[in-house]
């Protein structure tokens, strides 16, 4: 601990996968402060990193100055590395190889097209992808969190960092749809808690796997356990495959893709006419693609489809493999 710095007497532990701003809000609330007051007046020299306007414009869930992380660590006892992992930049390289969208084409090819899941290798059509980062919108203004929470979880549980990304639809514990945080809090404030909205079983199972990876660093698949980084790349590849045109996939694979979408009971490719990377789809289409990916995983685990990709065997128990 730096000389002259006293540890704050109360400092809650961050929850698994919790966003830095969520933890800061819980921490500040214990002292009846706002996050702005906590950071601009209570971090010693590191508070000079902020003024009120810059703090409101900054996105602390994306990246935080190292001096601020060190000051928080000294006052709470939470390691700098752990605090940094509560931000998007701290999730590199397992969430993304780089956060620089200028590397879009190279990053897309390596992250999404290097392997395959349902389809045999080489079936994916070539697409030009400019300014791309996996799971994130590539745009010039700072990345912003559309924060979502479970309406059933306790209010002091904290907010998942990656629930702001199109990675999950539901709460891994309760199997209900994640809702916008301000809507959940407003409902509680007026004494009318939101009614939880269930999701399909396949989606709930998929989201449990993703949360397992976020919370523990690994994901237990039917055939083996994989690192969370491998899981996110497998999932992103699967999302790419369920968005492909049937004519490109080949007869056998095209039939498999139609079987998946028929099981989801949604239009093929969610009605997509012109291919776009998943990150540039509307939220409704992203959700439909996640449902299709979840259904494909369920069908593979049940032995009702046989994935032909380089990673396909990971989705099948040994008893269902050819």
Protein backbone atom coordinates (compact mmCIF):
# COMPACT_ATOMS: atom_id res chain seq x y z
CA UNK A 1 0.00 0.00 0.00
CA UNK A 2 1.42 3.45 -0.91
CA UNK A 3 2.69 5.55 1.99
CA UNK A 4 -0.03 7.61 3.67
CA UNK A 5 -2.92 5.82 1.94
CA UNK A 6 -5.47 4.37 4.32
CA UNK A 7 -7.69 1.52 3.26
CA UNK A 8 -11.38 2.36 3.24
CA UNK A 9 -13.11 0.52 6.09
CA UNK A 10 -15.89 -0.97 3.94
CA UNK A 11 -15.37 -2.30 0.43
CA UNK A 12 -17.62 -4.97 -1.12
CA UNK A 13 -16.16 -7.83 -3.13
CA UNK A 14 -16.84 -7.62 -6.86
CA UNK A 15 -19.26 -10.26 -8.09
CA UNK A 16 -18.37 -12.78 -10.82
CA UNK A 17 -18.21 -10.89 -14.11
CA UNK A 18 -19.41 -7.64 -12.52
CA UNK A 19 -18.89 -4.38 -14.42
CA UNK A 20 -16.55 -1.85 -12.84
CA UNK A 21 -19.24 0.87 -12.82
CA UNK A 22 -21.62 -1.49 -11.04
CA UNK A 23 -19.08 -2.20 -8.31
CA UNK A 24 -18.16 1.49 -8.01
CA UNK A 25 -21.83 2.34 -7.61
CA UNK A 26 -22.24 -0.21 -4.82
CA UNK A 27 -19.02 1.00 -3.18
CA UNK A 28 -19.98 4.67 -3.36
CA UNK A 29 -23.46 3.92 -2.05
CA UNK A 30 -22.03 2.50 1.17
CA UNK A 31 -20.58 5.95 1.89
CA UNK A 32 -23.65 7.80 0.59
CA UNK A 33 -21.65 9.22 -2.28
CA UNK A 34 -22.18 9.28 -6.00
CA UNK A 35 -19.61 7.57 -8.21
CA UNK A 36 -18.55 11.04 -9.39
CA UNK A 37 -17.90 12.15 -5.80
CA UNK A 38 -16.03 8.96 -5.00
CA UNK A 39 -13.67 9.27 -7.95
CA UNK A 40 -13.16 13.03 -8.15
CA UNK A 41 -12.53 13.69 -4.45
CA UNK A 42 -11.32 10.49 -2.77
CA UNK A 43 -8.50 8.96 -4.82
CA UNK A 44 -5.72 11.38 -3.95
CA UNK A 45 -3.60 12.45 -6.94
CA UNK A 46 -5.44 9.95 -9.16
CA UNK A 47 -8.60 12.05 -8.85
CA UNK A 48 -6.88 14.60 -11.08
CA UNK A 49 -7.50 12.15 -13.94
CA UNK A 50 -11.11 13.31 -13.87
CA UNK A 51 -13.18 16.40 -13.84
CA UNK A 52 -16.95 16.09 -13.58
CA UNK A 53 -17.61 16.65 -17.26
CA UNK A 54 -14.94 14.23 -18.41
CA UNK A 55 -16.12 11.62 -15.92
CA UNK A 56 -19.68 11.73 -17.23
CA UNK A 57 -18.43 11.47 -20.79
CA UNK A 58 -15.98 8.69 -20.02
CA UNK A 59 -16.96 5.05 -20.21
CA UNK A 60 -15.38 3.44 -17.20
CA UNK A 61 -16.58 0.01 -18.27
CA UNK A 62 -14.40 0.26 -21.36
CA UNK A 63 -11.04 1.47 -20.04
CA UNK A 64 -9.81 3.19 -16.88
CA UNK A 65 -6.51 5.07 -16.36
CA UNK A 66 -3.93 2.86 -14.65
CA UNK A 67 -3.42 5.46 -11.91
CA UNK A 68 -7.11 5.23 -10.99
CA UNK A 69 -6.97 1.44 -10.81
CA UNK A 70 -3.90 1.60 -8.56
CA UNK A 71 -5.60 4.13 -6.28
CA UNK A 72 -8.73 1.99 -6.02
CA UNK A 73 -6.65 -1.12 -5.32
CA UNK A 74 -4.75 0.65 -2.53
CA UNK A 75 -7.99 1.76 -0.87
CA UNK A 76 -10.03 -1.43 -1.27
CA UNK A 77 -7.52 -4.27 -1.32
CA UNK A 78 -8.89 -5.50 -4.66
CA UNK A 79 -5.96 -6.33 -6.96
CA UNK A 80 -5.32 -4.04 -9.93
CA UNK A 81 -5.55 -6.97 -12.34
CA UNK A 82 -8.94 -7.96 -11.01
CA UNK A 83 -10.25 -4.41 -11.31
CA UNK A 84 -8.95 -4.14 -14.85
CA UNK A 85 -10.74 -7.38 -15.81
CA UNK A 86 -14.00 -5.62 -14.87
CA UNK A 87 -13.58 -3.49 -18.02
CA UNK A 88 -13.82 -4.36 -21.71
CA UNK A 89 -10.14 -3.58 -22.29
CA UNK A 90 -9.27 -5.94 -19.45
CA UNK A 91 -11.03 -8.79 -21.30
CA UNK A 92 -8.43 -8.78 -24.09
CA UNK A 93 -7.33 -11.26 -25.43
CA UNK A 94 -10.05 -13.77 -24.49
CA UNK A 95 -13.02 -11.59 -25.51
CA UNK A 96 -11.23 -10.15 -28.54
CA UNK A 97 -7.71 -10.31 -29.92
CA UNK A 98 -7.73 -6.53 -30.31
CA UNK A 99 -10.14 -3.65 -29.73
CA UNK A 100 -8.80 -1.75 -32.74
CA UNK A 101 -11.54 -1.85 -35.41
CA UNK A 102 -9.02 -0.90 -38.09
CA UNK A 103 -7.82 -4.53 -38.04
CA UNK A 104 -11.35 -5.62 -39.00
CA UNK A 105 -10.75 -7.97 -41.95
CA UNK A 106 -7.81 -9.76 -40.39
CA UNK A 107 -9.52 -9.98 -37.00
CA UNK A 108 -12.76 -11.30 -38.51
CA UNK A 109 -10.97 -13.99 -40.50
CA UNK A 110 -9.03 -15.17 -37.45
CA UNK A 111 -11.86 -14.96 -34.91
CA UNK A 112 -14.83 -16.18 -36.97
CA UNK A 113 -13.65 -17.98 -40.09
CA UNK A 114 -10.50 -19.78 -38.94
CA UNK A 115 -12.56 -22.75 -37.73
CA UNK A 116 -16.04 -24.09 -38.37
CA UNK A 117 -18.75 -25.72 -36.25
CA UNK A 118 -21.74 -26.98 -38.23
CA UNK A 119 -20.29 -26.69 -41.73
CA UNK A 120 -17.29 -28.45 -43.23
CA UNK A 121 -14.16 -26.26 -43.44
CA UNK A 122 -14.06 -23.80 -46.32
CA UNK A 123 -17.81 -23.49 -46.89
CA UNK A 124 -18.07 -19.92 -45.59
CA UNK A 125 -18.32 -17.32 -48.33
CA UNK A 126 -15.71 -14.56 -48.36
CA UNK A 127 -17.03 -11.24 -47.09
CA UNK A 128 -15.35 -7.86 -46.88
CA UNK A 129 -15.58 -6.70 -43.27
CA UNK A 130 -14.29 -3.24 -42.46
CA UNK A 131 -13.83 -1.75 -38.99
CA UNK A 132 -14.87 -4.77 -36.94
CA UNK A 133 -14.45 -5.92 -33.34
CA UNK A 134 -16.15 -9.10 -32.08
CA UNK A 135 -19.31 -8.53 -30.04
CA UNK A 136 -18.87 -4.74 -30.06
CA UNK A 137 -20.19 -2.03 -32.38
CA UNK A 138 -17.26 -0.45 -34.22
CA UNK A 139 -17.98 3.26 -34.05
CA UNK A 140 -16.07 6.46 -33.49
CA UNK A 141 -17.74 7.62 -30.28
CA UNK A 142 -16.88 5.85 -27.01
CA UNK A 143 -18.42 2.45 -26.45
CA UNK A 144 -21.50 2.66 -24.23
CA UNK A 145 -23.15 0.02 -22.09
CA UNK A 146 -26.84 -0.71 -22.60
CA UNK A 147 -26.87 -2.24 -19.15
CA UNK A 148 -29.25 -5.14 -18.48
CA UNK A 149 -30.07 -7.04 -15.30
CA UNK A 150 -32.22 -9.92 -14.14
CA UNK A 151 -35.52 -8.69 -12.64
CA UNK A 152 -35.43 -11.58 -10.14
CA UNK A 153 -31.86 -11.25 -8.82
CA UNK A 154 -31.34 -9.12 -5.66
CA UNK A 155 -30.74 -5.46 -6.45
CA UNK A 156 -27.34 -5.53 -4.73
CA UNK A 157 -26.08 -8.44 -6.87
CA UNK A 158 -24.36 -6.12 -9.32
CA UNK A 159 -24.52 -5.78 -13.10
CA UNK A 160 -22.66 -8.12 -15.45
CA UNK A 161 -20.13 -6.36 -17.66
CA UNK A 162 -20.80 -8.57 -20.67
CA UNK A 163 -24.59 -8.38 -20.29
CA UNK A 164 -24.19 -5.11 -22.19
CA UNK A 165 -23.02 -7.10 -25.23
CA UNK A 166 -25.18 -9.28 -27.53
CA UNK A 167 -23.81 -12.40 -25.83
CA UNK A 168 -26.64 -13.41 -23.53
CA UNK A 169 -30.42 -13.10 -23.48
CA UNK A 170 -31.18 -14.48 -20.02
CA UNK A 171 -30.04 -14.74 -16.41
CA UNK A 172 -28.01 -17.90 -15.94
CA UNK A 173 -29.51 -18.48 -12.48
CA UNK A 174 -33.19 -17.80 -13.06
CA UNK A 175 -33.58 -18.47 -16.79
CA UNK A 176 -35.54 -15.28 -17.36
CA UNK A 177 -34.90 -12.50 -19.83
CA UNK A 178 -32.43 -9.75 -18.91
CA UNK A 179 -34.15 -6.36 -18.86
CA UNK A 180 -32.85 -2.80 -19.09
CA UNK A 181 -31.58 -1.77 -15.69
CA UNK A 182 -33.46 1.53 -15.51
CA UNK A 183 -36.76 -0.25 -16.23
CA UNK A 184 -36.15 -2.84 -13.50
CA UNK A 185 -35.17 -0.19 -10.96
CA UNK A 186 -38.10 2.03 -11.84
CA UNK A 187 -40.50 -0.89 -11.35
CA UNK A 188 -38.99 -1.66 -7.94
CA UNK A 189 -39.12 2.00 -6.97
CA UNK A 190 -42.87 2.10 -7.60
CA UNK A 191 -43.43 -1.17 -5.76
CA UNK A 192 -44.37 -3.08 -8.90
CA UNK A 193 -41.51 -5.51 -9.63
CA UNK A 194 -41.30 -6.66 -13.24
CA UNK A 195 -42.74 -10.05 -14.06
CA UNK A 196 -39.88 -12.30 -15.21
CA UNK A 197 -40.15 -13.32 -18.87
CA UNK A 198 -38.95 -16.87 -19.57
CA UNK A 199 -36.74 -17.81 -22.51
CA UNK A 200 -36.64 -21.12 -24.43
CA UNK A 201 -34.80 -23.94 -22.67
CA UNK A 202 -32.10 -24.05 -25.36
CA UNK A 203 -31.39 -20.33 -24.90
CA UNK A 204 -31.22 -20.69 -21.12
CA UNK A 205 -28.75 -23.58 -21.53
CA UNK A 206 -26.59 -21.53 -23.92
CA UNK A 207 -26.55 -18.55 -21.55
CA UNK A 208 -25.55 -20.78 -18.63
CA UNK A 209 -22.50 -21.88 -20.62
CA UNK A 210 -21.55 -18.29 -21.43
CA UNK A 211 -21.94 -17.22 -17.81
CA UNK A 212 -19.89 -20.22 -16.69
CA UNK A 213 -17.09 -18.99 -18.93
CA UNK A 214 -17.34 -15.41 -17.65
CA UNK A 215 -17.40 -16.52 -14.01
CA UNK A 216 -14.82 -19.32 -14.07
CA UNK A 217 -12.74 -18.85 -17.22
CA UNK A 218 -13.79 -22.19 -18.72
CA UNK A 219 -16.90 -23.79 -20.25
CA UNK A 220 -18.02 -27.41 -19.89
CA UNK A 221 -19.18 -28.70 -23.28
CA UNK A 222 -20.57 -32.20 -23.95
CA UNK A 223 -17.21 -33.60 -25.05
CA UNK A 224 -14.63 -31.46 -23.25
CA UNK A 225 -13.95 -28.34 -21.21
CA UNK A 226 -12.70 -25.32 -23.14
CA UNK A 227 -11.25 -21.93 -22.21
CA UNK A 228 -13.74 -19.06 -22.29
CA UNK A 229 -11.82 -17.50 -25.19
CA UNK A 230 -12.24 -20.69 -27.23
CA UNK A 231 -15.92 -20.81 -26.30
CA UNK A 232 -16.58 -17.24 -27.45
CA UNK A 233 -14.87 -17.92 -30.78
CA UNK A 234 -16.85 -21.15 -31.22
CA UNK A 235 -20.10 -19.32 -30.45
CA UNK A 236 -19.27 -16.44 -32.78
CA UNK A 237 -18.45 -18.91 -35.58
CA UNK A 238 -21.74 -20.72 -34.96
CA UNK A 239 -23.62 -17.41 -35.16
CA UNK A 240 -21.93 -16.74 -38.48
CA UNK A 241 -22.91 -20.14 -39.84
CA UNK A 242 -26.61 -19.89 -38.97
CA UNK A 243 -26.68 -16.57 -40.87
CA UNK A 244 -25.31 -18.08 -44.10
CA UNK A 245 -27.26 -18.57 -47.32
CA UNK A 246 -28.20 -22.21 -47.90
CA UNK A 247 -26.85 -22.32 -51.46
CA UNK A 248 -23.33 -21.63 -50.20
CA UNK A 249 -23.42 -24.33 -47.53
CA UNK A 250 -23.83 -27.34 -49.85
CA UNK A 251 -26.81 -29.76 -49.96
CA UNK A 252 -26.20 -31.65 -46.71
CA UNK A 253 -25.25 -28.59 -44.70
CA UNK A 254 -28.10 -26.55 -46.21
CA UNK A 255 -30.57 -29.17 -44.99
CA UNK A 256 -28.99 -28.96 -41.53
CA UNK A 257 -29.32 -25.17 -41.44
CA UNK A 258 -32.98 -25.40 -42.47
CA UNK A 259 -33.53 -28.04 -39.78
CA UNK A 260 -32.11 -25.65 -37.19
CA UNK A 261 -34.28 -22.72 -38.25
CA UNK A 262 -37.38 -24.94 -38.50
CA UNK A 263 -36.76 -26.05 -34.91
CA UNK A 264 -36.45 -22.41 -33.81
CA UNK A 265 -39.76 -21.69 -35.61
CA UNK A 266 -38.44 -18.44 -37.06
CA UNK A 267 -37.86 -17.39 -40.69
CA UNK A 268 -34.67 -18.79 -42.21
CA UNK A 269 -31.72 -16.52 -41.34
CA UNK A 270 -34.21 -14.44 -39.32
CA UNK A 271 -35.39 -12.97 -42.63
CA UNK A 272 -31.94 -11.57 -43.43
CA UNK A 273 -31.58 -10.74 -47.13
CA UNK A 274 -28.14 -9.12 -47.28
CA UNK A 275 -25.39 -10.67 -45.15
CA UNK A 276 -23.99 -8.49 -42.39
CA UNK A 277 -21.70 -9.42 -39.50
CA UNK A 278 -23.59 -10.25 -36.32
CA UNK A 279 -22.44 -7.05 -34.60
CA UNK A 280 -24.23 -4.93 -37.23
CA UNK A 281 -27.59 -6.67 -37.04
CA UNK A 282 -30.58 -5.21 -35.23
CA UNK A 283 -31.10 -6.39 -31.62
CA UNK A 284 -34.12 -8.45 -32.75
CA UNK A 285 -32.07 -10.27 -35.40
CA UNK A 286 -29.17 -10.76 -33.01
CA UNK A 287 -31.56 -12.43 -30.58
CA UNK A 288 -32.95 -14.64 -33.34
CA UNK A 289 -29.42 -15.70 -34.31
CA UNK A 290 -28.64 -16.54 -30.67
CA UNK A 291 -31.80 -18.65 -30.54
CA UNK A 292 -30.71 -20.48 -33.68
CA UNK A 293 -27.22 -21.06 -32.28
CA UNK A 294 -28.70 -22.35 -29.02
CA UNK A 295 -31.03 -24.68 -30.91
CA UNK A 296 -28.19 -25.99 -33.07
CA UNK A 297 -26.22 -26.82 -29.93
CA UNK A 298 -29.21 -28.64 -28.45
CA UNK A 299 -29.81 -30.61 -31.65
CA UNK A 300 -26.13 -31.59 -31.78
CA UNK A 301 -26.09 -32.65 -28.13
CA UNK A 302 -29.20 -34.80 -28.75
CA UNK A 303 -27.64 -36.41 -31.82
CA UNK A 304 -30.31 -35.00 -34.15
CA UNK A 305 -27.73 -33.19 -36.29
CA UNK A 306 -24.10 -34.11 -36.92
CA UNK A 307 -21.87 -31.01 -37.03
CA UNK A 308 -19.27 -31.26 -39.77
CA UNK A 309 -16.92 -28.48 -38.68
CA UNK A 310 -13.49 -28.55 -37.10
CA UNK A 311 -15.03 -27.66 -33.72
CA UNK A 312 -18.27 -29.59 -34.16
CA UNK A 313 -17.23 -32.59 -32.09
CA UNK A 314 -17.07 -30.37 -28.99
CA UNK A 315 -20.88 -30.10 -29.10
CA UNK A 316 -21.52 -33.84 -29.15
CA UNK A 317 -21.26 -36.44 -26.39
CA UNK A 318 -19.01 -39.34 -27.34
CA UNK A 319 -22.04 -41.62 -27.76
CA UNK A 320 -23.37 -39.48 -30.63
CA UNK A 321 -20.15 -39.09 -32.59
CA UNK A 322 -19.59 -41.00 -35.79
